[in-house]
Protein backbone atom coordinates (compact mmCIF):
# COMPACT_ATOMS: atom_id res chain seq x y z
CA UNK A 1 -4.91 -19.45 21.66
CA UNK A 2 -4.84 -16.23 19.95
CA UNK A 3 -2.28 -13.59 21.51
CA UNK A 4 -3.76 -10.81 23.67
CA UNK A 5 -3.08 -7.10 23.67
CA UNK A 6 -3.09 -4.48 26.07
CA UNK A 7 -6.02 -2.12 25.61
CA UNK A 8 -6.09 1.52 27.38
CA UNK A 9 -9.58 2.83 28.04
CA UNK A 10 -9.62 6.31 26.12
CA UNK A 11 -12.17 7.60 29.05
CA UNK A 12 -10.35 6.31 32.42
CA UNK A 13 -7.00 5.38 31.15
CA UNK A 14 -7.23 2.03 32.76
CA UNK A 15 -5.32 -0.58 30.94
CA UNK A 16 -6.66 -4.39 30.61
CA UNK A 17 -5.69 -7.02 28.09
CA UNK A 18 -7.92 -8.31 25.39
CA UNK A 19 -7.93 -11.53 23.54
CA UNK A 20 -9.80 -11.49 20.17
CA UNK A 21 -12.68 -14.43 19.87
CA UNK A 22 -12.32 -17.01 17.51
CA UNK A 23 -15.27 -17.35 14.97
CA UNK A 24 -16.19 -20.49 13.08
CA UNK A 25 -15.90 -20.38 9.32
CA UNK A 26 -18.34 -22.53 7.13
CA UNK A 27 -15.06 -24.74 6.37
CA UNK A 28 -14.55 -25.62 10.21
CA UNK A 29 -11.66 -23.55 10.58
CA UNK A 30 -11.24 -20.60 13.10
CA UNK A 31 -11.26 -17.02 12.19
CA UNK A 32 -9.65 -14.67 14.32
CA UNK A 33 -9.68 -10.77 13.91
CA UNK A 34 -5.82 -9.74 13.60
CA UNK A 35 -5.73 -6.97 16.32
CA UNK A 36 -3.43 -3.97 15.68
CA UNK A 37 -1.32 -3.49 18.98
CA UNK A 38 0.13 -0.30 17.49
CA UNK A 39 -3.37 1.50 16.95
CA UNK A 40 -5.14 3.58 19.44
CA UNK A 41 -8.66 2.30 20.74
CA UNK A 42 -11.56 4.41 20.54
CA UNK A 43 -14.74 4.77 22.67
CA UNK A 44 -18.22 3.76 21.14
CA UNK A 45 -20.42 6.79 21.48
CA UNK A 46 -23.24 5.78 19.11
CA UNK A 47 -23.79 2.53 17.12
CA UNK A 48 -23.42 2.65 13.21
CA UNK A 49 -24.07 -0.68 11.61
CA UNK A 50 -21.34 -0.57 9.29
CA UNK A 51 -18.89 0.12 12.00
CA UNK A 52 -19.97 -3.12 14.07
CA UNK A 53 -18.39 -5.41 11.42
CA UNK A 54 -15.01 -6.19 9.77
CA UNK A 55 -14.22 -7.96 6.64
CA UNK A 56 -11.93 -11.00 7.27
CA UNK A 57 -10.62 -13.77 5.00
CA UNK A 58 -10.53 -17.34 6.25
CA UNK A 59 -6.70 -18.52 6.58
CA UNK A 60 -7.74 -21.94 5.45
CA UNK A 61 -10.08 -21.74 2.63
CA UNK A 62 -9.63 -18.32 1.55
CA UNK A 63 -13.40 -17.45 2.13
CA UNK A 64 -14.24 -13.78 2.76
CA UNK A 65 -16.88 -12.86 5.38
CA UNK A 66 -18.40 -10.15 7.72
CA UNK A 67 -17.27 -10.81 11.37
CA UNK A 68 -18.12 -8.68 14.56
CA UNK A 69 -15.69 -5.71 15.10
CA UNK A 70 -13.73 -6.44 18.20
CA UNK A 71 -15.08 -4.37 21.39
CA UNK A 72 -14.26 -4.43 25.06
CA UNK A 73 -16.44 -3.15 27.86
CA UNK A 74 -14.53 -1.03 30.53
CA UNK A 75 -15.46 -1.27 34.34
CA UNK A 76 -16.01 2.48 33.97
CA UNK A 77 -18.95 2.08 31.60
CA UNK A 78 -17.16 2.72 28.40
CA UNK A 79 -17.23 0.57 25.23
CA UNK A 80 -14.00 0.55 23.66
CA UNK A 81 -13.61 -0.44 19.95
CA UNK A 82 -10.43 -2.21 19.35
CA UNK A 83 -8.80 -1.60 15.95
CA UNK A 84 -7.90 -4.70 13.66
CA UNK A 85 -4.71 -4.54 11.59
CA UNK A 86 -4.69 -4.14 7.89
CA UNK A 87 -1.99 -5.30 5.39
CA UNK A 88 -0.98 -2.45 3.36
CA UNK A 89 2.14 -4.18 2.66
CA UNK A 90 1.23 -6.29 -0.53
CA UNK A 91 -1.45 -8.55 -1.91
CA UNK A 92 -3.64 -10.14 0.95
CA UNK A 93 -4.15 -12.96 -1.15
CA UNK A 94 -0.40 -13.90 -0.69
CA UNK A 95 -0.93 -14.20 3.02
CA UNK A 96 -4.01 -16.51 2.70
CA UNK A 97 -1.88 -18.55 0.05
CA UNK A 98 0.93 -19.29 2.80
CA UNK A 99 -1.58 -19.96 5.51
CA UNK A 100 -3.84 -22.42 3.23
CA UNK A 101 -0.30 -24.21 2.82
CA UNK A 102 0.19 -24.30 6.59
CA UNK A 103 -3.25 -25.61 7.14
CA UNK A 104 -3.03 -28.20 4.32
CA UNK A 105 0.10 -29.35 6.36
CA UNK A 106 -1.97 -30.01 9.49
CA UNK A 107 -1.69 -26.65 11.34
CA UNK A 108 -5.19 -26.07 11.72
CA UNK A 109 -4.90 -23.09 14.08
CA UNK A 110 -3.19 -20.63 11.82
CA UNK A 111 -3.81 -17.32 12.52
CA UNK A 112 -2.18 -13.72 12.25
CA UNK A 113 0.15 -12.70 15.06
CA UNK A 114 -0.55 -9.30 17.00
CA UNK A 115 2.95 -8.15 16.16
CA UNK A 116 4.18 -7.74 12.57
CA UNK A 117 7.65 -8.16 11.22
CA UNK A 118 9.25 -5.14 9.37
CA UNK A 119 7.66 -5.11 5.62
CA UNK A 120 5.42 -7.99 6.16
CA UNK A 121 2.86 -10.08 8.26
CA UNK A 122 3.49 -12.77 10.88
CA UNK A 123 1.42 -15.84 10.95
CA UNK A 124 1.49 -18.15 13.89
CA UNK A 125 0.19 -21.88 14.94
CA UNK A 126 0.89 -24.13 17.70
CA UNK A 127 4.50 -24.70 17.70
CA UNK A 128 5.07 -22.79 14.42
CA UNK A 129 5.94 -19.24 13.40
CA UNK A 130 5.79 -17.91 9.76
CA UNK A 131 6.65 -14.59 8.14
CA UNK A 132 5.44 -13.31 4.85
CA UNK A 133 7.63 -10.73 3.19
CA UNK A 134 5.58 -8.65 0.85
CA UNK A 135 5.96 -5.03 -0.56
CA UNK A 136 7.50 -6.01 -3.98
CA UNK A 137 11.05 -6.14 -2.22
CA UNK A 138 13.08 -9.47 -2.07
CA UNK A 139 13.44 -10.71 1.62
CA UNK A 140 16.68 -9.73 3.16
CA UNK A 141 19.43 -11.38 5.46
CA UNK A 142 17.64 -9.39 8.44
CA UNK A 143 14.07 -10.70 7.82
CA UNK A 144 15.36 -14.34 7.95
CA UNK A 145 17.43 -13.72 11.10
CA UNK A 146 14.34 -11.88 12.77
CA UNK A 147 12.13 -14.91 12.07
CA UNK A 148 14.77 -17.47 13.16
CA UNK A 149 15.33 -15.44 16.56
CA UNK A 150 11.67 -14.90 17.25
CA UNK A 151 10.77 -18.48 16.65
CA UNK A 152 13.86 -19.72 18.97
CA UNK A 153 12.38 -17.36 21.79
CA UNK A 154 8.98 -19.35 21.48
CA UNK A 155 10.75 -22.70 21.09
CA UNK A 156 9.04 -23.01 17.78
CA UNK A 157 9.70 -24.10 14.09
CA UNK A 158 9.73 -21.54 11.55
CA UNK A 159 9.01 -20.84 7.81
CA UNK A 160 9.55 -17.68 5.55
CA UNK A 161 7.49 -16.91 2.65
CA UNK A 162 8.17 -14.13 0.12
CA UNK A 163 6.42 -12.70 -2.98
CA UNK A 164 9.50 -11.08 -4.41
CA UNK A 165 12.45 -13.88 -3.73
CA UNK A 166 15.48 -13.61 -1.37
CA UNK A 167 18.71 -11.77 -1.58
CA UNK A 168 21.76 -14.20 -1.94
CA UNK A 169 22.94 -13.51 1.60
CA UNK A 170 19.21 -14.17 2.92
CA UNK A 171 19.24 -17.35 1.24
CA UNK A 172 22.87 -18.58 2.36
CA UNK A 173 21.51 -17.61 5.91
CA UNK A 174 18.51 -19.36 5.70
CA UNK A 175 20.45 -22.70 4.50
CA UNK A 176 23.02 -22.37 7.65
CA UNK A 177 19.99 -21.85 9.91
CA UNK A 178 17.53 -24.45 8.13
CA UNK A 179 14.94 -21.97 7.95
CA UNK A 180 12.44 -23.12 4.96
CA UNK A 181 12.25 -20.58 2.28
CA UNK A 182 9.06 -20.47 -0.21
CA UNK A 183 8.50 -18.53 -3.29
CA UNK A 184 5.04 -17.08 -2.99
CA UNK A 185 2.66 -15.79 -5.50
CA UNK A 186 -1.32 -15.42 -5.40
CA UNK A 187 -1.80 -17.42 -8.42
CA UNK A 188 0.18 -20.65 -7.72
CA UNK A 189 0.85 -22.58 -4.41
CA UNK A 190 3.96 -21.66 -2.63
CA UNK A 191 7.16 -23.04 -4.01
CA UNK A 192 10.15 -24.53 -1.74
CA UNK A 193 13.33 -22.95 -2.70
CA UNK A 194 16.02 -24.78 -0.39
CA UNK A 195 16.16 -28.10 1.16
CA UNK A 196 14.86 -27.12 4.59
CA UNK A 197 11.54 -26.19 2.48
CA UNK A 198 11.37 -29.61 1.03
CA UNK A 199 11.84 -31.24 4.34
CA UNK A 200 9.21 -29.10 5.68
CA UNK A 201 6.86 -30.20 3.09
CA UNK A 202 7.48 -33.96 3.55
CA UNK A 203 4.92 -36.10 1.73
CA UNK A 204 2.79 -32.80 0.72
CA UNK A 205 5.62 -32.24 -2.14
CA UNK A 206 3.85 -34.89 -3.94
CA UNK A 207 0.38 -33.61 -3.55
CA UNK A 208 -1.64 -32.30 -6.55
């Protein structure tokens, strides 16, 4: 299930938890608006058509579409608009490429996690946590360790994607922790970089 975030009403200051709904893409996969827990919710004072929709891309097929803006009705009578996370760290297509690979490997519930790792985007599915490091810098030792620790806390497997490669100590640490590492570009499928990544792919390594 999608993670929930705490939402404080800007009018009465009462806090409630909100879970974004899942919408069905034409391909059959679920599209879930990625909530931004760091942004401040706002009260809806009047309706503007363009503000009632957000542009989201399906993690499974890459199709872009318009979906309802997340909103929550407070008991005080205020309608609260909940901010949706934006990338701002690198090509969104790279995140979609990572999500499509995970979907192809059988993780049908891939979605953006509510909390973002430093300098990247977090994806999650049942029993799996993935980080995509963007922004044009190589993934560092700390990126690998943060992912591994976060996955251990969830009793989940983990996998890392990077659009700008990895530092030498990051690759060494990943090998020691058996964290799969993938090189990522928007134009080509993710490429496995270590033994753990080849094992993660399994029979998919031979797919066209």
